[in-house]
Amino acid sequence: MKGQNKGLIVVNTGDGKGKTTAAFGVLFRSLGRKMKCAVVQYVKGKWKTGERLHAETIEDLSFHVMGLGFTWESKDINQDIEAAKAAWEKSREYILDDIHDVVILDELTYAISYEWISVEEVLEALKKRPLMKHIIITGRDCHEKIIDYADLVTEMKLVKHPYKNGIAAQKGIEF
């Protein structure tokens, strides 16, 4: 039986490390196939990660770091909320356009679980996307409605992490 072709909604969630990393694996596979890609990051933003530094050199990639950093370090949560809303507007543009083939919404799940962005608004945009558009959503605690709508959901499970043994985040591995 021949399968149908359609854009997929992919979710990488769970407490384990690797949600964004897995999404970027798909990103580089897609770029290798000459597909136009976009990334909108909702939380990362205070530091220049390795992926951000490299992304600036890639022609077919639109890469937007729109978060202000970890919310537990926030000096003004209202600024974080406004940053998340601006990130959603940029995401919505990419979801609905006829230009990009793959859109990664990195750590969107937090903006939804904090109720800064409504899950219904996200689902509405996903349902209106062009037929062949692939969307990858990352972050912990993905909303059940997004999981139900998605075509592929992977839950990353934490088994062991070096941080628990006092090992700092490593350049090239975590950032």
N, C-alpha and C. Protein backbone atom coordinates (compact mmCIF):
# COMPACT_ATOMS: atom_id res chain seq x y z
N MET A 1 0.84 -1.19 0.00
CA MET A 1 0.00 0.00 0.00
C MET A 1 0.88 1.25 0.00
N LYS A 2 0.59 2.15 -0.89
CA LYS A 2 1.35 3.39 -0.98
C LYS A 2 0.79 4.38 0.04
N GLY A 3 1.70 5.00 0.82
CA GLY A 3 1.29 5.98 1.82
C GLY A 3 1.03 7.34 1.21
N GLN A 4 0.26 8.14 1.91
CA GLN A 4 -0.02 9.48 1.43
C GLN A 4 1.10 10.43 1.86
N ASN A 5 1.29 11.48 1.11
CA ASN A 5 2.24 12.52 1.47
C ASN A 5 1.48 13.67 2.09
N LYS A 6 1.98 14.13 3.23
CA LYS A 6 1.40 15.29 3.90
C LYS A 6 2.44 15.83 4.87
N GLY A 7 2.33 17.09 5.15
CA GLY A 7 3.19 17.68 6.16
C GLY A 7 2.86 17.08 7.51
N LEU A 8 3.88 16.84 8.30
CA LEU A 8 3.71 16.20 9.61
C LEU A 8 3.81 17.21 10.74
N ILE A 9 3.07 16.92 11.80
CA ILE A 9 3.23 17.62 13.07
C ILE A 9 4.02 16.65 13.95
N VAL A 10 5.21 17.08 14.35
CA VAL A 10 6.10 16.25 15.15
C VAL A 10 6.28 16.93 16.50
N VAL A 11 6.21 16.14 17.58
CA VAL A 11 6.39 16.66 18.93
C VAL A 11 7.53 15.89 19.59
N ASN A 12 8.50 16.64 20.12
CA ASN A 12 9.56 16.07 20.95
C ASN A 12 9.35 16.64 22.35
N THR A 13 8.95 15.78 23.29
CA THR A 13 8.61 16.24 24.63
C THR A 13 9.25 15.31 25.66
N GLY A 14 9.00 15.55 26.92
CA GLY A 14 9.52 14.71 27.99
C GLY A 14 10.60 15.40 28.80
N ASP A 15 11.03 14.73 29.87
CA ASP A 15 12.01 15.30 30.80
C ASP A 15 13.45 15.07 30.38
N GLY A 16 13.66 14.22 29.39
CA GLY A 16 15.02 13.91 28.97
C GLY A 16 15.61 14.97 28.06
N LYS A 17 16.94 14.93 27.95
CA LYS A 17 17.68 15.84 27.07
C LYS A 17 17.54 15.36 25.63
N GLY A 18 17.57 16.29 24.69
CA GLY A 18 17.62 15.90 23.29
C GLY A 18 16.44 16.32 22.44
N LYS A 19 15.49 17.05 23.00
CA LYS A 19 14.31 17.45 22.23
C LYS A 19 14.68 18.40 21.10
N THR A 20 15.41 19.44 21.41
CA THR A 20 15.85 20.39 20.39
C THR A 20 16.88 19.74 19.48
N THR A 21 17.78 18.96 20.04
CA THR A 21 18.80 18.29 19.26
C THR A 21 18.18 17.40 18.19
N ALA A 22 17.14 16.65 18.56
CA ALA A 22 16.45 15.79 17.59
C ALA A 22 15.79 16.63 16.51
N ALA A 23 15.19 17.74 16.89
CA ALA A 23 14.56 18.63 15.90
C ALA A 23 15.59 19.18 14.94
N PHE A 24 16.77 19.53 15.45
CA PHE A 24 17.82 20.05 14.57
C PHE A 24 18.40 18.98 13.67
N GLY A 25 18.34 17.73 14.07
CA GLY A 25 18.73 16.65 13.17
C GLY A 25 17.84 16.64 11.94
N VAL A 26 16.53 16.80 12.15
CA VAL A 26 15.58 16.88 11.02
C VAL A 26 15.85 18.15 10.22
N LEU A 27 16.14 19.24 10.90
CA LEU A 27 16.43 20.50 10.24
C LEU A 27 17.58 20.34 9.24
N PHE A 28 18.68 19.74 9.67
CA PHE A 28 19.84 19.61 8.78
C PHE A 28 19.58 18.59 7.68
N ARG A 29 18.80 17.57 7.95
CA ARG A 29 18.39 16.65 6.89
C ARG A 29 17.57 17.40 5.85
N SER A 30 16.65 18.24 6.29
CA SER A 30 15.80 19.00 5.38
C SER A 30 16.61 20.01 4.57
N LEU A 31 17.52 20.70 5.22
CA LEU A 31 18.37 21.66 4.51
C LEU A 31 19.21 20.94 3.45
N GLY A 32 19.65 19.73 3.75
CA GLY A 32 20.40 18.94 2.79
C GLY A 32 19.57 18.58 1.56
N ARG A 33 18.24 18.55 1.73
CA ARG A 33 17.31 18.29 0.63
C ARG A 33 16.84 19.58 -0.03
N LYS A 34 17.52 20.70 0.29
CA LYS A 34 17.23 22.01 -0.30
C LYS A 34 15.84 22.54 0.08
N MET A 35 15.38 22.15 1.26
CA MET A 35 14.10 22.65 1.76
C MET A 35 14.34 23.94 2.53
N LYS A 36 13.39 24.85 2.47
CA LYS A 36 13.45 26.10 3.24
C LYS A 36 12.97 25.82 4.65
N CYS A 37 13.74 26.27 5.63
CA CYS A 37 13.43 25.96 7.02
C CYS A 37 13.43 27.23 7.88
N ALA A 38 12.67 27.16 8.97
CA ALA A 38 12.62 28.26 9.93
C ALA A 38 12.63 27.69 11.34
N VAL A 39 13.28 28.40 12.23
CA VAL A 39 13.32 28.04 13.64
C VAL A 39 12.92 29.27 14.43
N VAL A 40 12.00 29.08 15.39
CA VAL A 40 11.66 30.13 16.34
C VAL A 40 11.89 29.55 17.73
N GLN A 41 12.78 30.17 18.49
CA GLN A 41 13.08 29.70 19.84
C GLN A 41 12.38 30.58 20.86
N TYR A 42 11.64 29.92 21.75
CA TYR A 42 10.80 30.61 22.73
C TYR A 42 11.47 30.92 24.05
N VAL A 43 12.45 30.14 24.48
CA VAL A 43 13.07 30.35 25.79
C VAL A 43 14.52 30.77 25.65
N LYS A 44 15.26 30.03 24.86
CA LYS A 44 16.69 30.34 24.71
C LYS A 44 16.82 31.78 24.20
N GLY A 45 17.84 32.46 24.66
CA GLY A 45 17.99 33.82 24.17
C GLY A 45 19.08 34.61 24.84
N LYS A 46 19.46 34.25 26.06
CA LYS A 46 20.46 35.03 26.77
C LYS A 46 21.88 34.77 26.28
N TRP A 47 22.10 33.63 25.70
CA TRP A 47 23.45 33.26 25.29
C TRP A 47 23.46 32.83 23.84
N LYS A 48 24.65 32.93 23.23
CA LYS A 48 24.82 32.50 21.82
C LYS A 48 25.20 31.02 21.83
N THR A 49 24.26 30.18 21.48
CA THR A 49 24.51 28.74 21.41
C THR A 49 25.27 28.41 20.13
N GLY A 50 25.86 27.22 20.10
CA GLY A 50 26.56 26.78 18.90
C GLY A 50 25.65 26.72 17.69
N GLU A 51 24.41 26.23 17.90
CA GLU A 51 23.48 26.14 16.78
C GLU A 51 23.10 27.53 16.26
N ARG A 52 22.98 28.47 17.16
CA ARG A 52 22.67 29.84 16.75
C ARG A 52 23.81 30.44 15.94
N LEU A 53 25.04 30.24 16.39
CA LEU A 53 26.20 30.76 15.67
C LEU A 53 26.29 30.16 14.27
N HIS A 54 26.05 28.86 14.16
CA HIS A 54 26.11 28.21 12.85
C HIS A 54 24.92 28.61 11.97
N ALA A 55 23.75 28.74 12.57
CA ALA A 55 22.54 29.07 11.81
C ALA A 55 22.69 30.39 11.05
N GLU A 56 23.42 31.32 11.62
CA GLU A 56 23.61 32.62 10.98
C GLU A 56 24.35 32.51 9.64
N THR A 57 24.98 31.37 9.38
CA THR A 57 25.76 31.18 8.15
C THR A 57 24.99 30.41 7.08
N ILE A 58 23.77 29.96 7.37
CA ILE A 58 23.03 29.09 6.46
C ILE A 58 21.99 29.88 5.68
N GLU A 59 22.10 29.83 4.38
CA GLU A 59 21.26 30.65 3.50
C GLU A 59 19.77 30.31 3.56
N ASP A 60 19.40 29.04 3.53
CA ASP A 60 17.99 28.66 3.46
C ASP A 60 17.33 28.51 4.83
N LEU A 61 17.93 29.10 5.84
CA LEU A 61 17.42 28.95 7.21
C LEU A 61 17.09 30.32 7.80
N SER A 62 15.85 30.46 8.24
CA SER A 62 15.43 31.64 9.01
C SER A 62 15.46 31.22 10.47
N PHE A 63 16.28 31.88 11.28
CA PHE A 63 16.53 31.45 12.65
C PHE A 63 16.29 32.62 13.59
N HIS A 64 15.31 32.49 14.47
CA HIS A 64 14.93 33.59 15.37
C HIS A 64 15.00 33.14 16.82
N VAL A 65 15.90 33.75 17.56
CA VAL A 65 16.00 33.52 19.00
C VAL A 65 15.20 34.65 19.65
N MET A 66 14.02 34.31 20.16
CA MET A 66 13.11 35.36 20.62
C MET A 66 12.85 35.30 22.12
N GLY A 67 13.33 34.27 22.78
CA GLY A 67 13.16 34.17 24.22
C GLY A 67 14.15 35.05 24.95
N LEU A 68 13.89 35.22 26.24
CA LEU A 68 14.74 36.06 27.08
C LEU A 68 15.52 35.24 28.09
N GLY A 69 15.51 33.94 27.93
CA GLY A 69 16.22 33.06 28.87
C GLY A 69 15.23 32.31 29.74
N PHE A 70 15.77 31.58 30.69
CA PHE A 70 14.94 30.76 31.57
C PHE A 70 14.00 31.63 32.40
N THR A 71 12.73 31.25 32.46
CA THR A 71 11.74 32.06 33.16
C THR A 71 12.03 32.16 34.65
N TRP A 72 12.66 31.13 35.24
CA TRP A 72 12.96 31.20 36.67
C TRP A 72 14.05 32.21 36.99
N GLU A 73 14.73 32.72 35.95
CA GLU A 73 15.74 33.77 36.13
C GLU A 73 15.19 35.14 35.73
N SER A 74 13.93 35.22 35.39
CA SER A 74 13.34 36.45 34.86
C SER A 74 13.31 37.57 35.90
N LYS A 75 13.64 38.75 35.42
CA LYS A 75 13.53 39.95 36.26
C LYS A 75 12.15 40.59 36.11
N ASP A 76 11.49 40.32 34.96
CA ASP A 76 10.17 40.89 34.69
C ASP A 76 9.39 39.90 33.82
N ILE A 77 8.51 39.14 34.44
CA ILE A 77 7.78 38.09 33.73
C ILE A 77 6.93 38.66 32.60
N ASN A 78 6.50 39.92 32.73
CA ASN A 78 5.71 40.53 31.66
C ASN A 78 6.53 40.67 30.38
N GLN A 79 7.84 40.89 30.51
CA GLN A 79 8.70 40.93 29.32
C GLN A 79 8.77 39.55 28.67
N ASP A 80 8.82 38.51 29.49
CA ASP A 80 8.84 37.14 28.95
C ASP A 80 7.54 36.83 28.21
N ILE A 81 6.44 37.28 28.77
CA ILE A 81 5.13 37.05 28.14
C ILE A 81 5.08 37.77 26.79
N GLU A 82 5.52 39.01 26.75
CA GLU A 82 5.53 39.77 25.50
C GLU A 82 6.47 39.13 24.48
N ALA A 83 7.61 38.63 24.93
CA ALA A 83 8.55 37.95 24.03
C ALA A 83 7.90 36.69 23.45
N ALA A 84 7.19 35.94 24.28
CA ALA A 84 6.51 34.72 23.81
C ALA A 84 5.42 35.06 22.81
N LYS A 85 4.68 36.12 23.04
CA LYS A 85 3.64 36.53 22.09
C LYS A 85 4.25 36.96 20.76
N ALA A 86 5.36 37.67 20.80
CA ALA A 86 6.05 38.07 19.57
C ALA A 86 6.58 36.83 18.84
N ALA A 87 7.10 35.87 19.60
CA ALA A 87 7.58 34.62 19.00
C ALA A 87 6.43 33.87 18.36
N TRP A 88 5.26 33.88 19.00
CA TRP A 88 4.10 33.21 18.40
C TRP A 88 3.69 33.88 17.09
N GLU A 89 3.69 35.20 17.04
CA GLU A 89 3.33 35.90 15.81
C GLU A 89 4.29 35.54 14.68
N LYS A 90 5.59 35.48 14.98
CA LYS A 90 6.58 35.08 13.99
C LYS A 90 6.34 33.63 13.58
N SER A 91 6.07 32.77 14.54
CA SER A 91 5.79 31.35 14.27
C SER A 91 4.58 31.20 13.37
N ARG A 92 3.54 31.92 13.69
CA ARG A 92 2.29 31.85 12.91
C ARG A 92 2.53 32.24 11.45
N GLU A 93 3.34 33.27 11.24
CA GLU A 93 3.70 33.68 9.87
C GLU A 93 4.34 32.52 9.12
N TYR A 94 5.29 31.86 9.77
CA TYR A 94 5.99 30.74 9.13
C TYR A 94 5.07 29.53 8.92
N ILE A 95 4.20 29.27 9.88
CA ILE A 95 3.27 28.14 9.76
C ILE A 95 2.37 28.32 8.54
N LEU A 96 1.91 29.54 8.31
CA LEU A 96 0.92 29.80 7.27
C LEU A 96 1.52 30.19 5.92
N ASP A 97 2.81 30.51 5.85
CA ASP A 97 3.37 30.96 4.57
C ASP A 97 3.52 29.82 3.56
N ASP A 98 3.76 30.19 2.33
CA ASP A 98 3.99 29.21 1.26
C ASP A 98 5.47 29.12 0.91
N ILE A 99 6.33 29.56 1.79
CA ILE A 99 7.77 29.61 1.51
C ILE A 99 8.52 28.50 2.22
N HIS A 100 8.27 28.34 3.51
CA HIS A 100 9.04 27.40 4.33
C HIS A 100 8.41 26.01 4.32
N ASP A 101 9.27 25.00 4.26
CA ASP A 101 8.83 23.61 4.25
C ASP A 101 8.81 22.99 5.64
N VAL A 102 9.75 23.41 6.48
CA VAL A 102 9.90 22.87 7.83
C VAL A 102 10.00 24.04 8.80
N VAL A 103 9.20 23.99 9.87
CA VAL A 103 9.22 25.04 10.89
C VAL A 103 9.39 24.37 12.25
N ILE A 104 10.42 24.80 12.97
CA ILE A 104 10.66 24.29 14.32
C ILE A 104 10.24 25.35 15.32
N LEU A 105 9.36 24.97 16.23
CA LEU A 105 8.88 25.85 17.29
C LEU A 105 9.51 25.33 18.59
N ASP A 106 10.73 25.79 18.84
CA ASP A 106 11.54 25.26 19.93
C ASP A 106 11.07 25.80 21.27
N GLU A 107 10.64 24.89 22.13
CA GLU A 107 10.16 25.19 23.48
C GLU A 107 8.85 25.96 23.50
N LEU A 108 8.06 25.81 22.45
CA LEU A 108 6.71 26.38 22.41
C LEU A 108 5.86 25.82 23.55
N THR A 109 6.10 24.60 23.95
CA THR A 109 5.25 23.97 24.98
C THR A 109 5.19 24.79 26.26
N TYR A 110 6.28 25.46 26.60
CA TYR A 110 6.29 26.26 27.83
C TYR A 110 5.33 27.44 27.73
N ALA A 111 5.34 28.12 26.60
CA ALA A 111 4.44 29.27 26.42
C ALA A 111 2.98 28.83 26.50
N ILE A 112 2.69 27.62 26.04
CA ILE A 112 1.33 27.10 26.13
C ILE A 112 1.01 26.70 27.57
N SER A 113 1.91 25.98 28.23
CA SER A 113 1.61 25.52 29.59
C SER A 113 1.54 26.68 30.58
N TYR A 114 2.27 27.76 30.32
CA TYR A 114 2.18 28.96 31.17
C TYR A 114 0.95 29.81 30.82
N GLU A 115 0.22 29.38 29.77
CA GLU A 115 -0.98 30.07 29.28
C GLU A 115 -0.68 31.46 28.74
N TRP A 116 0.52 31.64 28.18
CA TRP A 116 0.88 32.89 27.51
C TRP A 116 0.34 32.88 26.09
N ILE A 117 0.17 31.68 25.54
CA ILE A 117 -0.39 31.48 24.21
C ILE A 117 -1.44 30.39 24.35
N SER A 118 -2.60 30.57 23.73
CA SER A 118 -3.66 29.58 23.89
C SER A 118 -3.43 28.38 22.98
N VAL A 119 -3.67 27.21 23.51
CA VAL A 119 -3.50 25.98 22.73
C VAL A 119 -4.46 25.97 21.55
N GLU A 120 -5.64 26.56 21.71
CA GLU A 120 -6.61 26.61 20.62
C GLU A 120 -6.08 27.44 19.45
N GLU A 121 -5.42 28.55 19.77
CA GLU A 121 -4.85 29.41 18.72
C GLU A 121 -3.74 28.66 17.96
N VAL A 122 -2.95 27.90 18.68
CA VAL A 122 -1.89 27.12 18.04
C VAL A 122 -2.50 26.05 17.13
N LEU A 123 -3.48 25.33 17.64
CA LEU A 123 -4.12 24.28 16.84
C LEU A 123 -4.79 24.86 15.60
N GLU A 124 -5.41 26.01 15.75
CA GLU A 124 -6.06 26.66 14.61
C GLU A 124 -5.04 26.95 13.50
N ALA A 125 -3.88 27.48 13.88
CA ALA A 125 -2.84 27.78 12.88
C ALA A 125 -2.30 26.48 12.26
N LEU A 126 -2.09 25.46 13.07
CA LEU A 126 -1.58 24.19 12.55
C LEU A 126 -2.55 23.60 11.53
N LYS A 127 -3.83 23.71 11.79
CA LYS A 127 -4.84 23.15 10.89
C LYS A 127 -4.93 23.93 9.58
N LYS A 128 -4.50 25.19 9.58
CA LYS A 128 -4.58 26.02 8.37
C LYS A 128 -3.28 26.01 7.56
N ARG A 129 -2.27 25.31 8.02
CA ARG A 129 -0.98 25.33 7.33
C ARG A 129 -1.10 24.69 5.95
N PRO A 130 -0.19 25.04 5.04
CA PRO A 130 -0.18 24.38 3.73
C PRO A 130 -0.01 22.86 3.90
N LEU A 131 -0.56 22.11 2.98
CA LEU A 131 -0.63 20.65 3.07
C LEU A 131 0.71 19.98 3.33
N MET A 132 1.78 20.43 2.71
CA MET A 132 3.07 19.75 2.83
C MET A 132 4.02 20.37 3.87
N LYS A 133 3.51 21.27 4.70
CA LYS A 133 4.35 21.92 5.70
C LYS A 133 4.54 21.03 6.91
N HIS A 134 5.81 20.82 7.31
CA HIS A 134 6.16 20.04 8.49
C HIS A 134 6.42 21.00 9.65
N ILE A 135 5.86 20.69 10.80
CA ILE A 135 6.05 21.51 12.01
C ILE A 135 6.60 20.61 13.10
N ILE A 136 7.66 21.07 13.77
CA ILE A 136 8.24 20.33 14.89
C ILE A 136 8.12 21.21 16.13
N ILE A 137 7.50 20.67 17.16
CA ILE A 137 7.28 21.38 18.42
C ILE A 137 8.10 20.68 19.49
N THR A 138 8.89 21.45 20.25
CA THR A 138 9.70 20.85 21.31
C THR A 138 9.35 21.46 22.66
N GLY A 139 9.71 20.74 23.70
CA GLY A 139 9.58 21.22 25.08
C GLY A 139 8.89 20.21 25.98
N ARG A 140 9.12 20.36 27.24
CA ARG A 140 8.50 19.49 28.25
C ARG A 140 7.01 19.76 28.36
N ASP A 141 6.32 18.79 28.91
CA ASP A 141 4.90 18.95 29.27
C ASP A 141 4.04 19.44 28.12
N CYS A 142 4.15 18.80 26.97
CA CYS A 142 3.33 19.20 25.83
C CYS A 142 1.85 19.02 26.15
N HIS A 143 1.06 19.99 25.77
CA HIS A 143 -0.39 19.95 26.01
C HIS A 143 -1.00 18.74 25.32
N GLU A 144 -1.91 18.09 25.99
CA GLU A 144 -2.54 16.87 25.48
C GLU A 144 -3.24 17.10 24.13
N LYS A 145 -3.81 18.28 23.93
CA LYS A 145 -4.47 18.57 22.65
C LYS A 145 -3.47 18.60 21.49
N ILE A 146 -2.27 19.09 21.75
CA ILE A 146 -1.23 19.09 20.72
C ILE A 146 -0.79 17.65 20.45
N ILE A 147 -0.59 16.88 21.51
CA ILE A 147 -0.20 15.47 21.36
C ILE A 147 -1.25 14.72 20.55
N ASP A 148 -2.52 14.95 20.84
CA ASP A 148 -3.59 14.26 20.11
C ASP A 148 -3.59 14.63 18.63
N TYR A 149 -3.29 15.88 18.32
CA TYR A 149 -3.32 16.35 16.93
C TYR A 149 -2.07 15.93 16.15
N ALA A 150 -0.97 15.74 16.84
CA ALA A 150 0.32 15.44 16.19
C ALA A 150 0.29 14.10 15.46
N ASP A 151 1.17 14.00 14.45
CA ASP A 151 1.35 12.75 13.71
C ASP A 151 2.42 11.88 14.34
N LEU A 152 3.41 12.49 14.97
CA LEU A 152 4.53 11.77 15.56
C LEU A 152 4.87 12.44 16.88
N VAL A 153 4.88 11.66 17.96
CA VAL A 153 5.22 12.19 19.27
C VAL A 153 6.30 11.29 19.88
N THR A 154 7.39 11.91 20.28
CA THR A 154 8.46 11.20 20.97
C THR A 154 8.63 11.81 22.34
N GLU A 155 8.66 10.95 23.35
CA GLU A 155 8.89 11.43 24.71
C GLU A 155 10.31 11.04 25.11
N MET A 156 11.12 12.05 25.38
CA MET A 156 12.48 11.81 25.84
C MET A 156 12.45 11.52 27.33
N LYS A 157 13.08 10.43 27.72
CA LYS A 157 13.09 10.02 29.12
C LYS A 157 14.48 10.21 29.70
N LEU A 158 14.58 10.90 30.82
CA LEU A 158 15.86 11.11 31.49
C LEU A 158 16.23 9.84 32.24
N VAL A 159 17.37 9.28 31.91
CA VAL A 159 17.88 8.12 32.61
C VAL A 159 19.04 8.53 33.50
N LYS A 160 19.94 9.36 32.96
CA LYS A 160 21.11 9.81 33.70
C LYS A 160 21.56 11.13 33.09
N HIS A 161 22.00 12.06 33.92
CA HIS A 161 22.47 13.36 33.43
C HIS A 161 23.71 13.76 34.22
N PRO A 162 24.74 14.28 33.55
CA PRO A 162 25.98 14.64 34.26
C PRO A 162 25.80 15.75 35.28
N TYR A 163 24.80 16.60 35.12
CA TYR A 163 24.56 17.70 36.05
C TYR A 163 24.34 17.17 37.47
N LYS A 164 23.71 16.00 37.57
CA LYS A 164 23.45 15.39 38.90
C LYS A 164 24.74 15.01 39.61
N ASN A 165 25.83 14.88 38.85
CA ASN A 165 27.14 14.57 39.43
C ASN A 165 28.04 15.80 39.49
N GLY A 166 27.44 16.99 39.37
CA GLY A 166 28.19 18.23 39.50
C GLY A 166 28.96 18.63 38.25
N ILE A 167 28.63 18.04 37.12
CA ILE A 167 29.33 18.37 35.87
C ILE A 167 28.54 19.48 35.16
N ALA A 168 29.22 20.55 34.83
CA ALA A 168 28.59 21.71 34.20
C ALA A 168 28.18 21.39 32.76
N ALA A 169 27.29 22.21 32.21
CA ALA A 169 26.90 22.10 30.80
C ALA A 169 28.16 22.25 29.94
N GLN A 170 28.28 21.41 28.93
CA GLN A 170 29.47 21.36 28.10
C GLN A 170 29.24 22.05 26.75
N LYS A 171 30.18 22.91 26.39
CA LYS A 171 30.17 23.59 25.09
C LYS A 171 30.18 22.53 23.99
N GLY A 172 29.28 22.69 23.03
CA GLY A 172 29.19 21.73 21.93
C GLY A 172 28.25 20.58 22.22
N ILE A 173 27.91 20.35 23.45
CA ILE A 173 26.96 19.28 23.82
C ILE A 173 25.62 19.89 24.24
N GLU A 174 25.66 20.81 25.22
CA GLU A 174 24.42 21.45 25.67
C GLU A 174 24.18 22.82 25.05
N PHE A 175 25.22 23.47 24.60
CA PHE A 175 25.01 24.82 24.04
C PHE A 175 25.99 25.11 22.94
